[in-house]
Amino acid sequence: MVSNGVGRAGRRWPDGTLMARLDPQAADELLHLAGGRIYAPGAVLMRQGAEGTHVYLLEPAPRGTSACVKVTATSENGIETLFGIRAAGDIVGEIAVLDRGRRTATVTACSHLIGHPIPADIFMSFLARRPRAWHAVSLMIADRLRWANHRRLDLAGYDVTIQIARVIIDILDSYGRRSANTGELGVRLSQPELGSLVGASKEAAAKAVRRLRELEFIETGYRTIIVRDVAGLRAAAGLPQDPQASLSFLVTALSGFRWPYR
């Protein structure tokens, strides 16, 4: 989905990201606080436990493509957990900068992207000059906490298949590409990574994905998921229908209906 967050160069940012929440002048200023560096898939932008000296603003490379990073953390017993996905227009590393602490997670590029490493003092000065930007950062953090709380509730109240269906819908709504009642996730994830978003084992995640595939809600490939039936997947996840999709279904249905009266 695309927002009205447009900079002077006409750049548009996905809904829900920090850049989409900023006014055009603030977004343009933030983008130019630090030069960009291209990161290839698999490159690490920051590591868990390191000192928080920068925030990173994510930008697509080349322009017009998606930018995606995954946020992971490894426990003392060596188990890696995927905390979330961030995309173009997002910033990462803000917590360690705001509390002047250590990195709580590792951020790894999932696609080619441009990362703008903004030094902590320059980022804080930017926020001091622009109180509305502070508010936008607060909303961004609140959204991430709300998302994490939803995942905890899902973990307690639903089976793995429903949890996986909800995460797929979340990612599709936030970063995906939609066309009528189908869609493609805008990020590349393996099934174990998808499962780790809901605390499921590799085997449980694979079983849930297989069930959703058998129901013909999704189609899977190597680190890719295509949603073949958005409405069906939302129903399976126990989520309300997308009004835009419902309208599309209604128009399609009526187009083939023969009215008894003219």
Protein backbone atom coordinates (compact mmCIF):
# COMPACT_ATOMS: atom_id res chain seq x y z
CA MET A 1 0.00 0.00 0.00
CA VAL A 2 1.17 3.53 -0.71
CA SER A 3 0.76 6.61 1.42
CA ASN A 4 0.83 10.32 0.76
CA GLY A 5 4.30 10.58 2.29
CA VAL A 6 5.94 12.25 -0.68
CA GLY A 7 9.26 14.11 -0.61
CA ARG A 8 10.41 16.92 -2.89
CA ALA A 9 11.71 14.33 -5.35
CA GLY A 10 8.24 12.77 -5.58
CA ARG A 11 9.26 9.69 -3.58
CA ARG A 12 6.41 7.75 -1.98
CA TRP A 13 6.61 5.62 1.14
CA PRO A 14 4.53 2.65 2.39
CA ASP A 15 1.76 3.34 4.90
CA GLY A 16 2.68 2.90 8.54
CA THR A 17 6.36 3.72 8.11
CA LEU A 18 8.02 6.69 9.76
CA MET A 19 8.64 8.44 6.44
CA ALA A 20 4.94 8.21 5.53
CA ARG A 21 4.04 9.87 8.84
CA LEU A 22 6.40 12.81 8.40
CA ASP A 23 5.48 15.95 6.52
CA PRO A 24 7.29 16.18 3.15
CA GLN A 25 9.91 18.69 4.38
CA ALA A 26 10.78 16.63 7.46
CA ALA A 27 10.92 13.42 5.43
CA ASP A 28 13.25 15.02 2.90
CA GLU A 29 15.50 16.37 5.66
CA LEU A 30 15.68 12.98 7.40
CA LEU A 31 16.56 11.26 4.13
CA HIS A 32 19.51 13.61 3.64
CA LEU A 33 20.93 13.52 7.19
CA ALA A 34 23.33 10.80 6.09
CA GLY A 35 24.50 9.39 2.77
CA GLY A 36 23.17 6.00 1.72
CA ARG A 37 25.06 2.75 1.38
CA ILE A 38 23.88 -0.24 -0.67
CA TYR A 39 23.41 -3.49 1.26
CA ALA A 40 23.06 -6.86 -0.47
CA PRO A 41 20.78 -9.64 0.80
CA GLY A 42 22.35 -11.23 3.86
CA ALA A 43 24.34 -8.14 4.84
CA VAL A 44 24.12 -7.21 8.53
CA LEU A 45 23.29 -3.58 9.29
CA MET A 46 23.62 -3.95 13.07
CA ARG A 47 24.35 -6.74 15.53
CA GLN A 48 22.75 -7.70 18.80
CA GLY A 49 24.84 -6.48 21.76
CA ALA A 50 26.69 -3.77 19.83
CA GLU A 51 26.69 -0.15 20.93
CA GLY A 52 23.81 1.88 19.51
CA THR A 53 25.63 4.63 17.63
CA HIS A 54 23.28 5.06 14.63
CA VAL A 55 19.74 4.64 13.41
CA TYR A 56 19.30 3.32 9.88
CA LEU A 57 16.73 4.71 7.47
CA LEU A 58 15.77 2.14 4.81
CA GLU A 59 15.35 3.08 1.16
CA PRO A 60 14.79 0.84 -1.90
CA ALA A 61 17.69 0.04 -4.20
CA PRO A 62 17.15 0.36 -7.07
CA ARG A 63 14.24 2.73 -6.74
CA GLY A 64 10.87 1.15 -7.35
CA THR A 65 11.78 -2.17 -5.72
CA SER A 66 10.99 -3.27 -2.18
CA ALA A 67 13.47 -2.90 0.67
CA CYS A 68 13.28 -5.45 3.45
CA VAL A 69 15.22 -6.31 6.58
CA LYS A 70 14.52 -8.89 9.27
CA VAL A 71 14.98 -8.20 12.97
CA THR A 72 16.23 -11.22 14.93
CA ALA A 73 17.63 -11.98 18.36
CA THR A 74 19.50 -15.01 19.69
CA SER A 75 18.87 -16.28 23.21
CA GLU A 76 21.56 -17.59 25.55
CA ASN A 77 20.78 -21.17 24.49
CA GLY A 78 21.40 -20.29 20.84
CA ILE A 79 17.81 -20.17 19.58
CA GLU A 80 17.22 -17.42 17.04
CA THR A 81 13.85 -15.68 17.00
CA LEU A 82 12.49 -13.43 14.28
CA PHE A 83 10.97 -10.34 15.92
CA GLY A 84 9.68 -8.58 12.86
CA ILE A 85 10.10 -7.23 9.35
CA ARG A 86 10.93 -3.65 8.39
CA ALA A 87 10.69 -2.12 4.93
CA ALA A 88 11.41 1.03 2.93
CA GLY A 89 10.55 4.14 4.91
CA ASP A 90 11.15 2.43 8.25
CA ILE A 91 14.00 3.16 10.61
CA VAL A 92 15.77 0.53 12.70
CA GLY A 93 18.03 0.84 15.71
CA GLU A 94 16.09 3.65 17.34
CA ILE A 95 15.68 1.99 20.76
CA ALA A 96 19.42 1.74 21.48
CA VAL A 97 19.83 5.36 20.34
CA LEU A 98 16.96 6.66 22.46
CA ASP A 99 18.02 4.87 25.65
CA ARG A 100 21.77 4.98 24.87
CA GLY A 101 21.98 1.24 25.38
CA ARG A 102 23.14 -1.83 23.50
CA ARG A 103 21.47 -3.33 20.46
CA THR A 104 18.74 -5.76 21.46
CA ALA A 105 18.56 -7.41 18.04
CA THR A 106 20.40 -8.07 14.79
CA VAL A 107 19.12 -6.46 11.59
CA THR A 108 19.85 -8.29 8.33
CA ALA A 109 19.00 -7.25 4.76
CA CYS A 110 16.54 -9.55 2.98
CA SER A 111 16.76 -7.66 -0.33
CA HIS A 112 19.01 -5.13 -1.96
CA LEU A 113 18.45 -1.82 -0.20
CA ILE A 114 20.00 1.51 0.67
CA GLY A 115 20.66 2.08 4.36
CA HIS A 116 21.25 5.60 5.64
CA PRO A 117 23.31 5.33 8.89
CA ILE A 118 22.29 8.47 10.79
CA PRO A 119 24.54 9.16 13.82
CA ALA A 120 22.71 9.23 17.14
CA ASP A 121 23.46 12.88 17.93
CA ILE A 122 22.34 14.06 14.48
CA PHE A 123 19.12 12.04 14.73
CA MET A 124 18.36 13.41 18.22
CA SER A 125 19.01 16.96 17.01
CA PHE A 126 16.60 16.36 14.14
CA LEU A 127 13.90 15.29 16.61
CA ALA A 128 14.61 18.30 18.83
CA ARG A 129 14.09 20.65 15.88
CA ARG A 130 10.92 18.93 14.78
CA PRO A 131 8.49 18.03 17.60
CA ARG A 132 6.07 16.51 15.09
CA ALA A 133 8.80 14.08 14.08
CA TRP A 134 9.06 13.05 17.74
CA HIS A 135 5.34 12.32 17.64
CA ALA A 136 5.77 10.27 14.45
CA VAL A 137 8.55 8.21 16.08
CA SER A 138 6.32 7.63 19.11
CA LEU A 139 3.50 6.39 16.87
CA MET A 140 5.91 4.08 15.06
CA ILE A 141 7.12 2.56 18.33
CA ALA A 142 3.52 2.23 19.57
CA ASP A 143 2.59 0.34 16.40
CA ARG A 144 5.46 -2.07 16.90
CA LEU A 145 4.48 -2.68 20.53
CA ARG A 146 0.86 -3.21 19.50
CA TRP A 147 1.96 -5.69 16.82
CA ALA A 148 4.04 -7.59 19.40
CA ASN A 149 1.09 -7.66 21.80
CA HIS A 150 -1.17 -9.05 19.08
CA ARG A 151 1.34 -11.83 18.47
CA ARG A 152 1.37 -12.68 22.19
CA LEU A 153 -2.45 -12.83 22.24
CA ASP A 154 -2.48 -15.00 19.13
CA LEU A 155 0.07 -17.32 20.74
CA ALA A 156 -2.18 -17.75 23.78
CA GLY A 157 -5.56 -17.99 22.06
CA TYR A 158 -5.19 -19.61 18.61
CA ASP A 159 -3.62 -22.62 16.98
CA VAL A 160 -0.57 -22.27 14.77
CA THR A 161 -2.50 -22.31 11.49
CA ILE A 162 -4.58 -19.29 12.54
CA GLN A 163 -1.48 -17.54 13.90
CA ILE A 164 0.37 -18.06 10.60
CA ALA A 165 -2.66 -16.87 8.62
CA ARG A 166 -2.81 -13.70 10.73
CA VAL A 167 0.88 -12.96 10.27
CA ILE A 168 0.60 -13.44 6.50
CA ILE A 169 -2.32 -10.99 6.42
CA ASP A 170 -0.39 -8.52 8.59
CA ILE A 171 2.63 -8.59 6.28
CA LEU A 172 0.44 -8.41 3.17
CA ASP A 173 -1.42 -5.39 4.54
CA SER A 174 1.79 -3.64 5.56
CA TYR A 175 4.24 -4.45 2.77
CA GLY A 176 2.52 -6.58 0.16
CA ARG A 177 1.26 -5.99 -3.36
CA ARG A 178 -2.48 -6.45 -3.86
CA SER A 179 -4.57 -7.08 -6.94
CA ALA A 180 -8.30 -7.68 -6.37
CA ASN A 181 -8.50 -10.78 -4.13
CA THR A 182 -4.89 -11.90 -4.55
CA GLY A 183 -1.60 -10.57 -3.25
CA GLU A 184 2.11 -11.21 -2.89
CA LEU A 185 4.11 -10.58 0.26
CA GLY A 186 6.60 -7.79 -0.30
CA VAL A 187 9.24 -9.61 1.75
CA ARG A 188 11.05 -12.92 1.32
CA LEU A 189 10.65 -15.28 4.27
CA SER A 190 11.34 -18.94 4.83
CA GLN A 191 8.69 -21.04 6.56
CA PRO A 192 10.80 -21.37 9.75
CA GLU A 193 11.19 -17.56 9.82
CA LEU A 194 7.44 -17.17 9.39
CA GLY A 195 6.91 -19.62 12.24
CA SER A 196 9.32 -17.79 14.52
CA LEU A 197 7.13 -14.68 14.28
CA VAL A 198 4.50 -16.60 16.24
CA GLY A 199 6.84 -18.73 18.33
CA ALA A 200 6.09 -21.93 16.37
CA SER A 201 8.53 -24.73 15.71
CA LYS A 202 9.82 -25.43 12.22
CA GLU A 203 7.60 -28.51 11.98
CA ALA A 204 4.47 -26.74 13.24
CA ALA A 205 5.01 -23.84 10.85
CA ALA A 206 5.48 -26.19 7.89
CA LYS A 207 2.28 -28.06 8.80
CA ALA A 208 0.31 -24.79 9.07
CA VAL A 209 1.62 -23.50 5.73
CA ARG A 210 0.81 -26.84 4.10
CA ARG A 211 -2.76 -26.67 5.46
CA LEU A 212 -3.28 -23.14 4.12
CA ARG A 213 -1.86 -24.28 0.77
CA GLU A 214 -4.22 -27.29 0.67
CA LEU A 215 -7.14 -24.93 1.27
CA GLU A 216 -5.87 -22.96 -1.74
CA PHE A 217 -5.55 -19.75 0.26
CA ILE A 218 -1.84 -19.45 -0.52
CA GLU A 219 0.83 -20.66 -2.91
CA THR A 220 4.44 -21.04 -1.83
CA GLY A 221 7.82 -21.02 -3.52
CA TYR A 222 11.39 -20.56 -2.36
CA ARG A 223 11.08 -17.91 0.39
CA THR A 224 7.95 -16.56 -1.31
CA ILE A 225 4.25 -16.63 -0.45
CA ILE A 226 1.48 -15.64 -2.85
CA VAL A 227 -1.99 -15.20 -1.41
CA ARG A 228 -4.49 -16.67 -3.86
CA ASP A 229 -7.61 -15.91 -1.82
CA VAL A 230 -7.28 -12.91 0.49
CA ALA A 231 -10.90 -13.05 1.63
CA GLY A 232 -10.65 -16.76 2.39
CA LEU A 233 -7.40 -16.31 4.29
CA ARG A 234 -8.87 -13.46 6.34
CA ALA A 235 -11.87 -15.64 7.18
CA ALA A 236 -9.59 -18.52 8.19
CA ALA A 237 -7.65 -16.11 10.40
CA GLY A 238 -10.85 -14.88 12.05
CA LEU A 239 -10.28 -11.35 10.76
CA PRO A 240 -12.87 -8.92 9.36
CA GLN A 241 -13.02 -8.65 5.60
CA ASP A 242 -11.25 -5.85 3.76
CA PRO A 243 -14.03 -3.44 2.63
CA GLN A 244 -12.17 -2.73 -0.63
CA ALA A 245 -11.89 -6.44 -1.40
CA SER A 246 -15.54 -7.00 -0.48
CA LEU A 247 -16.58 -4.25 -2.90
CA SER A 248 -14.46 -5.89 -5.62
CA PHE A 249 -16.22 -9.20 -5.02
CA LEU A 250 -19.61 -7.51 -5.16
CA VAL A 251 -18.83 -5.79 -8.46
CA THR A 252 -17.53 -9.07 -9.93
CA ALA A 253 -20.59 -10.98 -8.78
CA LEU A 254 -23.06 -8.41 -10.07
CA SER A 255 -21.32 -8.20 -13.45
CA GLY A 256 -22.35 -11.78 -14.19
CA PHE A 257 -25.81 -11.62 -12.67
CA ARG A 258 -28.89 -11.58 -14.96
CA TRP A 259 -31.49 -9.31 -13.44
CA PRO A 260 -35.12 -10.57 -13.74
CA TYR A 261 -36.41 -7.05 -14.38
CA ARG A 262 -35.12 -4.28 -16.57
